Amino acid sequence: MKHRARVLLIGGLTGALVGLVGAWLYVRMVRSNGRSGQTAPAELIRLGLSVVGVLRQIVALSRALTI
């Protein structure tokens, strides 16, 4: 398997695993708090910005490693 394909496969599987754990934790938190499961838009915006921040850090790390 070529290096690029291997990196994409490992990255995809890691992302899926992190997503599943995040969803499981969210469902667990909603059940324990007795909330209806509706998320406020501000929470979703904050989460989206956090994901963008993590992606920017990954890009910065890859640039630092290639220099």
PDB file of N, CA and C in Angstrom:
ATOM      1  N   MET A   1       0.854  -1.174   0.000  1.00  0.00           N
ATOM      2  CA  MET A   1       0.000   0.000   0.000  1.00  0.00           C
ATOM      3  C   MET A   1       0.896   1.232   0.000  1.00  0.00           C
ATOM      4  N   LYS A   2       0.558   2.176  -0.823  1.00  0.00           N
ATOM      5  CA  LYS A   2       1.347   3.393  -0.907  1.00  0.00           C
ATOM      6  C   LYS A   2       1.190   4.221   0.364  1.00  0.00           C
ATOM      7  N   HIS A   3       2.197   5.041   0.610  1.00  0.00           N
ATOM      8  CA  HIS A   3       2.225   5.844   1.836  1.00  0.00           C
ATOM      9  C   HIS A   3       0.994   6.750   1.951  1.00  0.00           C
ATOM     10  N   ARG A   4       0.639   7.426   0.854  1.00  0.00           N
ATOM     11  CA  ARG A   4      -0.498   8.353   0.893  1.00  0.00           C
ATOM     12  C   ARG A   4      -1.799   7.623   1.224  1.00  0.00           C
ATOM     13  N   ALA A   5      -2.015   6.478   0.604  1.00  0.00           N
ATOM     14  CA  ALA A   5      -3.231   5.703   0.858  1.00  0.00           C
ATOM     15  C   ALA A   5      -3.272   5.232   2.309  1.00  0.00           C
ATOM     16  N   ARG A   6      -2.133   4.823   2.827  1.00  0.00           N
ATOM     17  CA  ARG A   6      -2.073   4.363   4.215  1.00  0.00           C
ATOM     18  C   ARG A   6      -2.392   5.505   5.188  1.00  0.00           C
ATOM     19  N   VAL A   7      -1.830   6.688   4.913  1.00  0.00           N
ATOM     20  CA  VAL A   7      -2.093   7.848   5.773  1.00  0.00           C
ATOM     21  C   VAL A   7      -3.568   8.222   5.727  1.00  0.00           C
ATOM     22  N   LEU A   8      -4.161   8.209   4.530  1.00  0.00           N
ATOM     23  CA  LEU A   8      -5.585   8.537   4.404  1.00  0.00           C
ATOM     24  C   LEU A   8      -6.462   7.508   5.113  1.00  0.00           C
ATOM     25  N   LEU A   9      -6.116   6.253   5.005  1.00  0.00           N
ATOM     26  CA  LEU A   9      -6.888   5.201   5.668  1.00  0.00           C
ATOM     27  C   LEU A   9      -6.804   5.338   7.189  1.00  0.00           C
ATOM     28  N   ILE A  10      -5.605   5.520   7.698  1.00  0.00           N
ATOM     29  CA  ILE A  10      -5.428   5.667   9.155  1.00  0.00           C
ATOM     30  C   ILE A  10      -6.124   6.937   9.650  1.00  0.00           C
ATOM     31  N   GLY A  11      -5.999   8.029   8.902  1.00  0.00           N
ATOM     32  CA  GLY A  11      -6.664   9.272   9.291  1.00  0.00           C
ATOM     33  C   GLY A  11      -8.174   9.154   9.284  1.00  0.00           C
ATOM     34  N   GLY A  12      -8.704   8.486   8.267  1.00  0.00           N
ATOM     35  CA  GLY A  12     -10.154   8.292   8.182  1.00  0.00           C
ATOM     36  C   GLY A  12     -10.685   7.430   9.311  1.00  0.00           C
ATOM     37  N   LEU A  13      -9.981   6.349   9.601  1.00  0.00           N
ATOM     38  CA  LEU A  13     -10.408   5.472  10.697  1.00  0.00           C
ATOM     39  C   LEU A  13     -10.307   6.178  12.048  1.00  0.00           C
ATOM     40  N   THR A  14      -9.244   6.952  12.228  1.00  0.00           N
ATOM     41  CA  THR A  14      -9.083   7.701  13.478  1.00  0.00           C
ATOM     42  C   THR A  14     -10.196   8.735  13.635  1.00  0.00           C
ATOM     43  N   GLY A  15     -10.511   9.440  12.553  1.00  0.00           N
ATOM     44  CA  GLY A  15     -11.586  10.429  12.596  1.00  0.00           C
ATOM     45  C   GLY A  15     -12.934   9.799  12.906  1.00  0.00           C
ATOM     46  N   ALA A  16     -13.189   8.639  12.308  1.00  0.00           N
ATOM     47  CA  ALA A  16     -14.448   7.940  12.574  1.00  0.00           C
ATOM     48  C   ALA A  16     -14.526   7.497  14.030  1.00  0.00           C
ATOM     49  N   LEU A  17     -13.425   6.999  14.553  1.00  0.00           N
ATOM     50  CA  LEU A  17     -13.395   6.560  15.944  1.00  0.00           C
ATOM     51  C   LEU A  17     -13.605   7.729  16.903  1.00  0.00           C
ATOM     52  N   VAL A  18     -12.941   8.844  16.632  1.00  0.00           N
ATOM     53  CA  VAL A  18     -13.116  10.034  17.474  1.00  0.00           C
ATOM     54  C   VAL A  18     -14.558  10.529  17.396  1.00  0.00           C
ATOM     55  N   GLY A  19     -15.154  10.502  16.207  1.00  0.00           N
ATOM     56  CA  GLY A  19     -16.547  10.904  16.052  1.00  0.00           C
ATOM     57  C   GLY A  19     -17.503  10.018  16.820  1.00  0.00           C
ATOM     58  N   LEU A  20     -17.273   8.724  16.787  1.00  0.00           N
ATOM     59  CA  LEU A  20     -18.125   7.790  17.533  1.00  0.00           C
ATOM     60  C   LEU A  20     -18.014   8.012  19.039  1.00  0.00           C
ATOM     61  N   VAL A  21     -16.804   8.197  19.524  1.00  0.00           N
ATOM     62  CA  VAL A  21     -16.620   8.445  20.960  1.00  0.00           C
ATOM     63  C   VAL A  21     -17.284   9.758  21.348  1.00  0.00           C
ATOM     64  N   GLY A  22     -17.143  10.776  20.524  1.00  0.00           N
ATOM     65  CA  GLY A  22     -17.783  12.061  20.809  1.00  0.00           C
ATOM     66  C   GLY A  22     -19.295  11.950  20.850  1.00  0.00           C
ATOM     67  N   ALA A  23     -19.873  11.225  19.906  1.00  0.00           N
ATOM     68  CA  ALA A  23     -21.324  11.039  19.885  1.00  0.00           C
ATOM     69  C   ALA A  23     -21.792  10.258  21.099  1.00  0.00           C
ATOM     70  N   TRP A  24     -21.039   9.227  21.471  1.00  0.00           N
ATOM     71  CA  TRP A  24     -21.385   8.434  22.652  1.00  0.00           C
ATOM     72  C   TRP A  24     -21.353   9.300  23.917  1.00  0.00           C
ATOM     73  N   LEU A  25     -20.321  10.125  24.054  1.00  0.00           N
ATOM     74  CA  LEU A  25     -20.228  11.003  25.223  1.00  0.00           C
ATOM     75  C   LEU A  25     -21.371  12.020  25.243  1.00  0.00           C
ATOM     76  N   TYR A  26     -21.734  12.536  24.069  1.00  0.00           N
ATOM     77  CA  TYR A  26     -22.822  13.498  23.992  1.00  0.00           C
ATOM     78  C   TYR A  26     -24.151  12.871  24.412  1.00  0.00           C
ATOM     79  N   VAL A  27     -24.435  11.679  23.894  1.00  0.00           N
ATOM     80  CA  VAL A  27     -25.682  10.993  24.248  1.00  0.00           C
ATOM     81  C   VAL A  27     -25.705  10.690  25.737  1.00  0.00           C
ATOM     82  N   ARG A  28     -24.580  10.266  26.272  1.00  0.00           N
ATOM     83  CA  ARG A  28     -24.496   9.981  27.708  1.00  0.00           C
ATOM     84  C   ARG A  28     -24.749  11.237  28.546  1.00  0.00           C
ATOM     85  N   MET A  29     -24.179  12.382  28.111  1.00  0.00           N
ATOM     86  CA  MET A  29     -24.377  13.639  28.838  1.00  0.00           C
ATOM     87  C   MET A  29     -25.843  14.081  28.778  1.00  0.00           C
ATOM     88  N   VAL A  30     -26.471  13.935  27.604  1.00  0.00           N
ATOM     89  CA  VAL A  30     -27.870  14.339  27.462  1.00  0.00           C
ATOM     90  C   VAL A  30     -28.760  13.491  28.360  1.00  0.00           C
ATOM     91  N   ARG A  31     -28.517  12.197  28.413  1.00  0.00           N
ATOM     92  CA  ARG A  31     -29.329  11.317  29.258  1.00  0.00           C
ATOM     93  C   ARG A  31     -29.136  11.624  30.735  1.00  0.00           C
ATOM     94  N   SER A  32     -27.911  11.906  31.150  1.00  0.00           N
ATOM     95  CA  SER A  32     -27.669  12.148  32.575  1.00  0.00           C
ATOM     96  C   SER A  32     -28.210  13.500  33.026  1.00  0.00           C
ATOM     97  N   ASN A  33     -28.261  14.477  32.118  1.00  0.00           N
ATOM     98  CA  ASN A  33     -28.774  15.803  32.469  1.00  0.00           C
ATOM     99  C   ASN A  33     -30.274  15.920  32.288  1.00  0.00           C
ATOM    100  N   GLY A  34     -30.879  14.940  31.650  1.00  0.00           N
ATOM    101  CA  GLY A  34     -32.322  14.976  31.431  1.00  0.00           C
ATOM    102  C   GLY A  34     -32.734  16.001  30.398  1.00  0.00           C
ATOM    103  N   ARG A  35     -31.794  16.436  29.553  1.00  0.00           N
ATOM    104  CA  ARG A  35     -32.134  17.407  28.510  1.00  0.00           C
ATOM    105  C   ARG A  35     -32.872  16.713  27.386  1.00  0.00           C
ATOM    106  N   SER A  36     -33.535  17.507  26.584  1.00  0.00           N
ATOM    107  CA  SER A  36     -34.327  16.947  25.490  1.00  0.00           C
ATOM    108  C   SER A  36     -33.475  16.540  24.297  1.00  0.00           C
ATOM    109  N   GLY A  37     -32.194  16.839  24.310  1.00  0.00           N
ATOM    110  CA  GLY A  37     -31.329  16.477  23.206  1.00  0.00           C
ATOM    111  C   GLY A  37     -31.156  17.580  22.188  1.00  0.00           C
ATOM    112  N   GLN A  38     -31.829  18.710  22.386  1.00  0.00           N
ATOM    113  CA  GLN A  38     -31.680  19.830  21.468  1.00  0.00           C
ATOM    114  C   GLN A  38     -30.481  20.661  21.887  1.00  0.00           C
ATOM    115  N   THR A  39     -29.620  20.943  20.924  1.00  0.00           N
ATOM    116  CA  THR A  39     -28.411  21.699  21.184  1.00  0.00           C
ATOM    117  C   THR A  39     -28.620  23.138  20.748  1.00  0.00           C
ATOM    118  N   ALA A  40     -28.176  24.071  21.570  1.00  0.00           N
ATOM    119  CA  ALA A  40     -28.293  25.484  21.230  1.00  0.00           C
ATOM    120  C   ALA A  40     -27.375  25.802  20.055  1.00  0.00           C
ATOM    121  N   PRO A  41     -27.794  26.696  19.177  1.00  0.00           N
ATOM    122  CA  PRO A  41     -26.944  27.061  18.032  1.00  0.00           C
ATOM    123  C   PRO A  41     -25.566  27.577  18.449  1.00  0.00           C
ATOM    124  N   ALA A  42     -25.507  28.288  19.564  1.00  0.00           N
ATOM    125  CA  ALA A  42     -24.215  28.812  20.021  1.00  0.00           C
ATOM    126  C   ALA A  42     -23.248  27.674  20.344  1.00  0.00           C
ATOM    127  N   GLU A  43     -23.755  26.580  20.894  1.00  0.00           N
ATOM    128  CA  GLU A  43     -22.910  25.421  21.194  1.00  0.00           C
ATOM    129  C   GLU A  43     -22.371  24.798  19.918  1.00  0.00           C
ATOM    130  N   LEU A  44     -23.208  24.706  18.893  1.00  0.00           N
ATOM    131  CA  LEU A  44     -22.777  24.133  17.624  1.00  0.00           C
ATOM    132  C   LEU A  44     -21.732  25.011  16.942  1.00  0.00           C
ATOM    133  N   ILE A  45     -21.905  26.318  17.024  1.00  0.00           N
ATOM    134  CA  ILE A  45     -20.917  27.235  16.449  1.00  0.00           C
ATOM    135  C   ILE A  45     -19.587  27.093  17.177  1.00  0.00           C
ATOM    136  N   ARG A  46     -19.633  27.015  18.492  1.00  0.00           N
ATOM    137  CA  ARG A  46     -18.414  26.852  19.284  1.00  0.00           C
ATOM    138  C   ARG A  46     -17.710  25.544  18.938  1.00  0.00           C
ATOM    139  N   LEU A  47     -18.484  24.487  18.772  1.00  0.00           N
ATOM    140  CA  LEU A  47     -17.919  23.193  18.397  1.00  0.00           C
ATOM    141  C   LEU A  47     -17.292  23.251  17.006  1.00  0.00           C
ATOM    142  N   GLY A  48     -17.972  23.870  16.067  1.00  0.00           N
ATOM    143  CA  GLY A  48     -17.428  23.999  14.707  1.00  0.00           C
ATOM    144  C   GLY A  48     -16.123  24.775  14.685  1.00  0.00           C
ATOM    145  N   LEU A  49     -16.054  25.852  15.449  1.00  0.00           N
ATOM    146  CA  LEU A  49     -14.814  26.630  15.515  1.00  0.00           C
ATOM    147  C   LEU A  49     -13.689  25.835  16.167  1.00  0.00           C
ATOM    148  N   SER A  50     -14.025  25.015  17.131  1.00  0.00           N
ATOM    149  CA  SER A  50     -13.012  24.163  17.754  1.00  0.00           C
ATOM    150  C   SER A  50     -12.457  23.157  16.762  1.00  0.00           C
ATOM    151  N   VAL A  51     -13.330  22.577  15.948  1.00  0.00           N
ATOM    152  CA  VAL A  51     -12.886  21.608  14.937  1.00  0.00           C
ATOM    153  C   VAL A  51     -11.981  22.303  13.916  1.00  0.00           C
ATOM    154  N   VAL A  52     -12.358  23.502  13.494  1.00  0.00           N
ATOM    155  CA  VAL A  52     -11.518  24.257  12.559  1.00  0.00           C
ATOM    156  C   VAL A  52     -10.159  24.544  13.187  1.00  0.00           C
ATOM    157  N   GLY A  53     -10.135  24.886  14.468  1.00  0.00           N
ATOM    158  CA  GLY A  53      -8.873  25.140  15.162  1.00  0.00           C
ATOM    159  C   GLY A  53      -7.980  23.913  15.186  1.00  0.00           C
ATOM    160  N   VAL A  54      -8.560  22.744  15.420  1.00  0.00           N
ATOM    161  CA  VAL A  54      -7.779  21.503  15.426  1.00  0.00           C
ATOM    162  C   VAL A  54      -7.215  21.229  14.032  1.00  0.00           C
ATOM    163  N   LEU A  55      -8.023  21.435  13.008  1.00  0.00           N
ATOM    164  CA  LEU A  55      -7.542  21.224  11.638  1.00  0.00           C
ATOM    165  C   LEU A  55      -6.411  22.188  11.295  1.00  0.00           C
ATOM    166  N   ARG A  56      -6.498  23.428  11.742  1.00  0.00           N
ATOM    167  CA  ARG A  56      -5.419  24.391  11.505  1.00  0.00           C
ATOM    168  C   ARG A  56      -4.138  23.957  12.201  1.00  0.00           C
ATOM    169  N   GLN A  57      -4.261  23.401  13.404  1.00  0.00           N
ATOM    170  CA  GLN A  57      -3.081  22.913  14.114  1.00  0.00           C
ATOM    171  C   GLN A  57      -2.447  21.731  13.389  1.00  0.00           C
ATOM    172  N   ILE A  58      -3.255  20.862  12.813  1.00  0.00           N
ATOM    173  CA  ILE A  58      -2.723  19.721  12.058  1.00  0.00           C
ATOM    174  C   ILE A  58      -1.965  20.217  10.827  1.00  0.00           C
ATOM    175  N   VAL A  59      -2.527  21.202  10.122  1.00  0.00           N
ATOM    176  CA  VAL A  59      -1.848  21.762   8.956  1.00  0.00           C
ATOM    177  C   VAL A  59      -0.536  22.428   9.374  1.00  0.00           C
ATOM    178  N   ALA A  60      -0.550  23.174  10.469  1.00  0.00           N
ATOM    179  CA  ALA A  60       0.670  23.820  10.947  1.00  0.00           C
ATOM    180  C   ALA A  60       1.723  22.785  11.337  1.00  0.00           C
ATOM    181  N   LEU A  61       1.302  21.694  11.936  1.00  0.00           N
ATOM    182  CA  LEU A  61       2.235  20.636  12.303  1.00  0.00           C
ATOM    183  C   LEU A  61       2.842  19.998  11.059  1.00  0.00           C
ATOM    184  N   SER A  62       2.015  19.762  10.040  1.00  0.00           N
ATOM    185  CA  SER A  62       2.543  19.141   8.827  1.00  0.00           C
ATOM    186  C   SER A  62       3.524  20.080   8.122  1.00  0.00           C
ATOM    187  N   ARG A  63       3.276  21.390   8.178  1.00  0.00           N
ATOM    188  CA  ARG A  63       4.217  22.343   7.590  1.00  0.00           C
ATOM    189  C   ARG A  63       5.527  22.362   8.361  1.00  0.00           C
ATOM    190  N   ALA A  64       5.446  22.288   9.683  1.00  0.00           N
ATOM    191  CA  ALA A  64       6.653  22.310  10.507  1.00  0.00           C
ATOM    192  C   ALA A  64       7.492  21.052  10.277  1.00  0.00           C
ATOM    193  N   LEU A  65       6.843  19.923  10.020  1.00  0.00           N
ATOM    194  CA  LEU A  65       7.575  18.670   9.823  1.00  0.00           C
ATOM    195  C   LEU A  65       8.222  18.598   8.445  1.00  0.00           C
ATOM    196  N   THR A  66       7.683  19.310   7.460  1.00  0.00           N
ATOM    197  CA  THR A  66       8.237  19.243   6.106  1.00  0.00           C
ATOM    198  C   THR A  66       9.341  20.253   5.877  1.00  0.00           C
ATOM    199  N   ILE A  67       9.538  21.184   6.772  1.00  0.00           N
ATOM    200  CA  ILE A  67      10.571  22.204   6.591  1.00  0.00           C
ATOM    201  C   ILE A  67      11.913  21.675   7.007  1.00  0.00           C
TER     202      ILE A  67
END
